Amino acid sequence: MARISISEAAAHQIRHVLEERGSGEGLRVAVKPSGCSGYSYVLDFADSVDADDQVFEDHGVRVIVDNDALSVLDGTEVDYVSEGLNRFFRFNNPNVRDECGCGESFSV
């Protein structure tokens, strides 16, 4: 069975954004063909859960993934990090075999 986990820092950020929006089911994570390595992550906040979605919950928040992306994302931890002035979601994905030099895309 596929699994995606959410760090406490990511859960805090997801909760914060959903509260600011005033609605939403959780963070939608997808992948799309892109870049020089193959795939890139696509993030959005979901207002609904579709029939072909899988929902993963940790620390009281949800990450929503459609079935097509599960094989690429299985085992991934969604984290939220601060590096200097930059804050962003980071994906600790054990399936990644290579990343492009700019960090925009990856291959599995």
N, C-alpha and C. Protein backbone atom coordinates (compact mmCIF):
# COMPACT_ATOMS: atom_id res chain seq x y z
N MET A 1 0.83 -1.19 0.00
CA MET A 1 0.00 0.00 0.00
C MET A 1 0.87 1.25 0.00
N ALA A 2 0.54 2.20 -0.85
CA ALA A 2 1.31 3.44 -0.98
C ALA A 2 1.20 4.27 0.29
N ARG A 3 2.23 5.04 0.54
CA ARG A 3 2.26 5.89 1.74
C ARG A 3 2.97 7.19 1.44
N ILE A 4 2.38 8.29 1.90
CA ILE A 4 2.99 9.61 1.87
C ILE A 4 2.87 10.15 3.28
N SER A 5 3.96 10.70 3.82
CA SER A 5 3.92 11.24 5.17
C SER A 5 4.12 12.75 5.12
N ILE A 6 3.74 13.40 6.22
CA ILE A 6 3.78 14.85 6.32
C ILE A 6 4.53 15.20 7.60
N SER A 7 5.58 16.02 7.49
CA SER A 7 6.31 16.44 8.68
C SER A 7 5.45 17.42 9.48
N GLU A 8 5.82 17.62 10.74
CA GLU A 8 5.10 18.59 11.56
C GLU A 8 5.20 19.99 10.98
N ALA A 9 6.37 20.36 10.44
CA ALA A 9 6.54 21.69 9.84
C ALA A 9 5.64 21.87 8.63
N ALA A 10 5.54 20.84 7.79
CA ALA A 10 4.66 20.91 6.62
C ALA A 10 3.21 20.99 7.06
N ALA A 11 2.83 20.21 8.06
CA ALA A 11 1.45 20.23 8.55
C ALA A 11 1.10 21.62 9.07
N HIS A 12 2.02 22.23 9.79
CA HIS A 12 1.78 23.58 10.31
C HIS A 12 1.55 24.56 9.16
N GLN A 13 2.36 24.49 8.11
CA GLN A 13 2.22 25.40 6.97
C GLN A 13 0.93 25.14 6.20
N ILE A 14 0.60 23.89 5.97
CA ILE A 14 -0.64 23.55 5.27
C ILE A 14 -1.83 24.08 6.06
N ARG A 15 -1.84 23.85 7.36
CA ARG A 15 -2.92 24.32 8.22
C ARG A 15 -3.04 25.85 8.15
N HIS A 16 -1.90 26.52 8.20
CA HIS A 16 -1.86 27.99 8.16
C HIS A 16 -2.47 28.52 6.85
N VAL A 17 -2.07 27.94 5.72
CA VAL A 17 -2.59 28.40 4.44
C VAL A 17 -4.09 28.11 4.32
N LEU A 18 -4.51 26.94 4.74
CA LEU A 18 -5.94 26.61 4.68
C LEU A 18 -6.76 27.55 5.55
N GLU A 19 -6.24 27.92 6.71
CA GLU A 19 -6.94 28.88 7.56
C GLU A 19 -7.02 30.24 6.90
N GLU A 20 -5.94 30.68 6.25
CA GLU A 20 -5.96 31.96 5.53
C GLU A 20 -6.95 31.93 4.37
N ARG A 21 -7.02 30.81 3.66
CA ARG A 21 -7.95 30.67 2.55
C ARG A 21 -9.39 30.61 3.04
N GLY A 22 -9.60 30.08 4.23
CA GLY A 22 -10.93 29.95 4.77
C GLY A 22 -11.62 28.66 4.37
N SER A 23 -10.98 27.85 3.53
CA SER A 23 -11.56 26.57 3.12
C SER A 23 -10.48 25.71 2.49
N GLY A 24 -10.84 24.46 2.25
CA GLY A 24 -9.92 23.56 1.57
C GLY A 24 -9.82 22.23 2.28
N GLU A 25 -9.52 21.21 1.49
CA GLU A 25 -9.39 19.85 1.99
C GLU A 25 -7.96 19.50 2.39
N GLY A 26 -6.98 20.15 1.75
CA GLY A 26 -5.58 19.84 2.03
C GLY A 26 -4.70 20.25 0.89
N LEU A 27 -3.46 19.80 0.93
CA LEU A 27 -2.47 20.09 -0.10
C LEU A 27 -2.54 19.00 -1.17
N ARG A 28 -2.75 19.41 -2.42
CA ARG A 28 -2.75 18.46 -3.54
C ARG A 28 -1.33 18.43 -4.11
N VAL A 29 -0.77 17.22 -4.20
CA VAL A 29 0.56 17.02 -4.76
C VAL A 29 0.41 16.14 -6.00
N ALA A 30 0.99 16.59 -7.10
CA ALA A 30 0.97 15.84 -8.35
C ALA A 30 2.36 15.92 -8.96
N VAL A 31 2.56 15.17 -10.01
CA VAL A 31 3.78 15.26 -10.80
C VAL A 31 3.38 15.45 -12.25
N LYS A 32 4.26 16.12 -13.00
CA LYS A 32 4.02 16.28 -14.43
C LYS A 32 5.33 16.11 -15.16
N PRO A 33 5.27 15.63 -16.41
CA PRO A 33 6.49 15.55 -17.22
C PRO A 33 7.03 16.96 -17.40
N SER A 34 8.32 17.14 -17.11
CA SER A 34 8.88 18.49 -17.17
C SER A 34 10.39 18.46 -17.04
N GLY A 35 11.00 19.52 -17.50
CA GLY A 35 12.42 19.76 -17.26
C GLY A 35 13.32 18.77 -17.96
N CYS A 36 14.58 18.85 -17.61
CA CYS A 36 15.59 18.02 -18.28
C CYS A 36 15.71 16.63 -17.66
N SER A 37 15.12 16.40 -16.50
CA SER A 37 15.25 15.09 -15.86
C SER A 37 14.00 14.22 -15.94
N GLY A 38 12.85 14.77 -16.24
CA GLY A 38 11.68 13.92 -16.40
C GLY A 38 10.40 14.39 -15.77
N TYR A 39 10.42 14.68 -14.46
CA TYR A 39 9.20 15.07 -13.74
C TYR A 39 9.47 16.30 -12.89
N SER A 40 8.39 17.01 -12.58
CA SER A 40 8.45 18.05 -11.56
C SER A 40 7.20 17.93 -10.68
N TYR A 41 7.32 18.43 -9.47
CA TYR A 41 6.20 18.42 -8.54
C TYR A 41 5.25 19.57 -8.87
N VAL A 42 3.97 19.33 -8.69
CA VAL A 42 2.94 20.35 -8.87
C VAL A 42 2.15 20.43 -7.57
N LEU A 43 2.04 21.63 -7.00
CA LEU A 43 1.35 21.83 -5.73
C LEU A 43 0.16 22.75 -5.92
N ASP A 44 -0.90 22.45 -5.22
CA ASP A 44 -2.08 23.30 -5.19
C ASP A 44 -2.84 22.95 -3.91
N PHE A 45 -3.72 23.83 -3.50
CA PHE A 45 -4.56 23.51 -2.36
C PHE A 45 -5.90 23.03 -2.89
N ALA A 46 -6.32 21.88 -2.45
CA ALA A 46 -7.50 21.21 -2.98
C ALA A 46 -8.75 21.66 -2.24
N ASP A 47 -9.78 21.96 -3.01
CA ASP A 47 -11.08 22.29 -2.44
C ASP A 47 -12.01 21.09 -2.40
N SER A 48 -11.60 20.01 -3.07
CA SER A 48 -12.41 18.80 -3.07
C SER A 48 -11.49 17.59 -3.24
N VAL A 49 -12.03 16.43 -2.94
CA VAL A 49 -11.32 15.17 -3.13
C VAL A 49 -12.07 14.40 -4.22
N ASP A 50 -11.36 14.04 -5.29
CA ASP A 50 -11.96 13.32 -6.40
C ASP A 50 -11.97 11.81 -6.13
N ALA A 51 -12.79 11.10 -6.87
CA ALA A 51 -12.92 9.65 -6.69
C ALA A 51 -11.61 8.91 -6.92
N ASP A 52 -10.74 9.43 -7.80
CA ASP A 52 -9.48 8.75 -8.09
C ASP A 52 -8.31 9.28 -7.25
N ASP A 53 -8.59 9.99 -6.17
CA ASP A 53 -7.57 10.53 -5.28
C ASP A 53 -7.31 9.58 -4.11
N GLN A 54 -6.09 9.61 -3.62
CA GLN A 54 -5.73 8.96 -2.37
C GLN A 54 -5.45 10.08 -1.37
N VAL A 55 -5.91 9.91 -0.15
CA VAL A 55 -5.75 10.93 0.88
C VAL A 55 -4.86 10.36 1.99
N PHE A 56 -3.82 11.12 2.33
CA PHE A 56 -2.90 10.75 3.40
C PHE A 56 -2.98 11.82 4.46
N GLU A 57 -3.08 11.41 5.72
CA GLU A 57 -3.25 12.37 6.80
C GLU A 57 -2.21 12.14 7.89
N ASP A 58 -1.58 13.22 8.30
CA ASP A 58 -0.64 13.25 9.42
C ASP A 58 -0.81 14.58 10.13
N HIS A 59 -0.66 14.58 11.43
CA HIS A 59 -0.69 15.81 12.22
C HIS A 59 -1.92 16.65 11.94
N GLY A 60 -3.04 16.00 11.62
CA GLY A 60 -4.29 16.70 11.44
C GLY A 60 -4.50 17.40 10.11
N VAL A 61 -3.63 17.18 9.12
CA VAL A 61 -3.82 17.76 7.79
C VAL A 61 -3.71 16.66 6.74
N ARG A 62 -4.18 16.98 5.55
CA ARG A 62 -4.22 16.00 4.47
C ARG A 62 -3.33 16.40 3.30
N VAL A 63 -2.74 15.38 2.69
CA VAL A 63 -2.10 15.50 1.39
C VAL A 63 -2.91 14.62 0.45
N ILE A 64 -3.29 15.18 -0.68
CA ILE A 64 -4.17 14.51 -1.64
C ILE A 64 -3.37 14.25 -2.91
N VAL A 65 -3.39 13.00 -3.37
CA VAL A 65 -2.61 12.58 -4.53
C VAL A 65 -3.51 11.76 -5.44
N ASP A 66 -3.49 12.05 -6.75
CA ASP A 66 -4.29 11.21 -7.64
C ASP A 66 -3.55 9.90 -7.89
N ASN A 67 -4.29 8.88 -8.24
CA ASN A 67 -3.73 7.54 -8.40
C ASN A 67 -2.59 7.48 -9.41
N ASP A 68 -2.63 8.32 -10.45
CA ASP A 68 -1.58 8.30 -11.48
C ASP A 68 -0.21 8.67 -10.93
N ALA A 69 -0.16 9.49 -9.89
CA ALA A 69 1.12 9.96 -9.34
C ALA A 69 1.64 9.07 -8.21
N LEU A 70 0.85 8.12 -7.74
CA LEU A 70 1.25 7.33 -6.57
C LEU A 70 2.54 6.55 -6.76
N SER A 71 2.75 5.98 -7.93
CA SER A 71 3.97 5.18 -8.12
C SER A 71 5.22 6.04 -8.02
N VAL A 72 5.14 7.29 -8.42
CA VAL A 72 6.29 8.20 -8.36
C VAL A 72 6.46 8.75 -6.94
N LEU A 73 5.37 8.94 -6.21
CA LEU A 73 5.41 9.59 -4.90
C LEU A 73 5.40 8.64 -3.71
N ASP A 74 5.21 7.34 -3.93
CA ASP A 74 5.13 6.39 -2.83
C ASP A 74 6.37 6.48 -1.94
N GLY A 75 6.13 6.63 -0.65
CA GLY A 75 7.22 6.69 0.33
C GLY A 75 7.73 8.09 0.59
N THR A 76 7.21 9.09 -0.10
CA THR A 76 7.68 10.46 0.02
C THR A 76 7.25 11.09 1.34
N GLU A 77 8.15 11.87 1.93
CA GLU A 77 7.80 12.72 3.07
C GLU A 77 7.72 14.14 2.55
N VAL A 78 6.58 14.80 2.82
CA VAL A 78 6.42 16.22 2.50
C VAL A 78 6.89 17.00 3.71
N ASP A 79 7.87 17.88 3.50
CA ASP A 79 8.44 18.69 4.58
C ASP A 79 8.32 20.16 4.19
N TYR A 80 8.49 21.04 5.14
CA TYR A 80 8.50 22.47 4.89
C TYR A 80 9.74 23.01 5.56
N VAL A 81 10.60 23.66 4.79
CA VAL A 81 11.90 24.09 5.31
C VAL A 81 12.12 25.58 5.10
N SER A 82 12.99 26.13 5.93
CA SER A 82 13.45 27.50 5.81
C SER A 82 14.96 27.45 5.58
N GLU A 83 15.38 28.06 4.50
CA GLU A 83 16.81 28.18 4.20
C GLU A 83 17.09 29.64 3.90
N GLY A 84 17.69 30.34 4.88
CA GLY A 84 17.89 31.77 4.73
C GLY A 84 16.54 32.47 4.66
N LEU A 85 16.33 33.23 3.60
CA LEU A 85 15.06 33.94 3.42
C LEU A 85 14.02 33.10 2.69
N ASN A 86 14.41 31.94 2.20
CA ASN A 86 13.52 31.09 1.42
C ASN A 86 12.80 30.09 2.30
N ARG A 87 11.51 29.92 2.03
CA ARG A 87 10.69 28.90 2.70
C ARG A 87 9.95 28.16 1.62
N PHE A 88 9.96 26.82 1.71
CA PHE A 88 9.35 26.04 0.64
C PHE A 88 9.08 24.62 1.11
N PHE A 89 8.16 23.96 0.36
CA PHE A 89 7.92 22.54 0.60
C PHE A 89 9.05 21.76 -0.05
N ARG A 90 9.57 20.78 0.68
CA ARG A 90 10.61 19.90 0.16
C ARG A 90 10.06 18.48 0.18
N PHE A 91 10.39 17.73 -0.86
CA PHE A 91 9.93 16.36 -0.99
C PHE A 91 11.10 15.42 -0.81
N ASN A 92 11.07 14.63 0.25
CA ASN A 92 12.08 13.62 0.50
C ASN A 92 11.53 12.33 -0.12
N ASN A 93 11.85 12.16 -1.40
CA ASN A 93 11.27 11.09 -2.21
C ASN A 93 12.31 9.99 -2.44
N PRO A 94 12.11 8.81 -1.86
CA PRO A 94 13.09 7.73 -2.01
C PRO A 94 13.15 7.16 -3.43
N ASN A 95 12.20 7.51 -4.29
CA ASN A 95 12.17 7.00 -5.65
C ASN A 95 13.03 7.80 -6.62
N VAL A 96 13.48 8.98 -6.23
CA VAL A 96 14.26 9.84 -7.11
C VAL A 96 15.63 9.22 -7.34
N ARG A 97 15.98 9.07 -8.60
CA ARG A 97 17.28 8.50 -8.98
C ARG A 97 18.26 9.58 -9.43
N ASP A 98 17.73 10.70 -9.95
CA ASP A 98 18.58 11.78 -10.43
C ASP A 98 17.78 13.07 -10.44
N GLU A 99 18.47 14.19 -10.24
CA GLU A 99 17.85 15.51 -10.30
C GLU A 99 18.65 16.38 -11.25
N CYS A 100 17.97 17.31 -11.89
CA CYS A 100 18.69 18.23 -12.77
C CYS A 100 19.50 19.20 -11.92
N GLY A 101 20.45 19.86 -12.51
CA GLY A 101 21.33 20.77 -11.79
C GLY A 101 20.61 21.93 -11.13
N CYS A 102 19.52 22.39 -11.72
CA CYS A 102 18.80 23.54 -11.14
C CYS A 102 17.80 23.11 -10.08
N GLY A 103 17.56 21.81 -9.93
CA GLY A 103 16.65 21.31 -8.91
C GLY A 103 15.18 21.40 -9.27
N GLU A 104 14.87 21.72 -10.52
CA GLU A 104 13.48 21.86 -10.94
C GLU A 104 12.82 20.54 -11.34
N SER A 105 13.61 19.54 -11.70
CA SER A 105 13.01 18.28 -12.14
C SER A 105 13.82 17.11 -11.63
N PHE A 106 13.22 15.92 -11.74
CA PHE A 106 13.84 14.70 -11.23
C PHE A 106 13.43 13.52 -12.08
N SER A 107 14.18 12.44 -11.95
CA SER A 107 13.81 11.19 -12.63
C SER A 107 13.69 10.08 -11.61
N VAL A 108 12.89 9.07 -11.95
CA VAL A 108 12.69 7.93 -11.06
C VAL A 108 13.12 6.66 -11.76
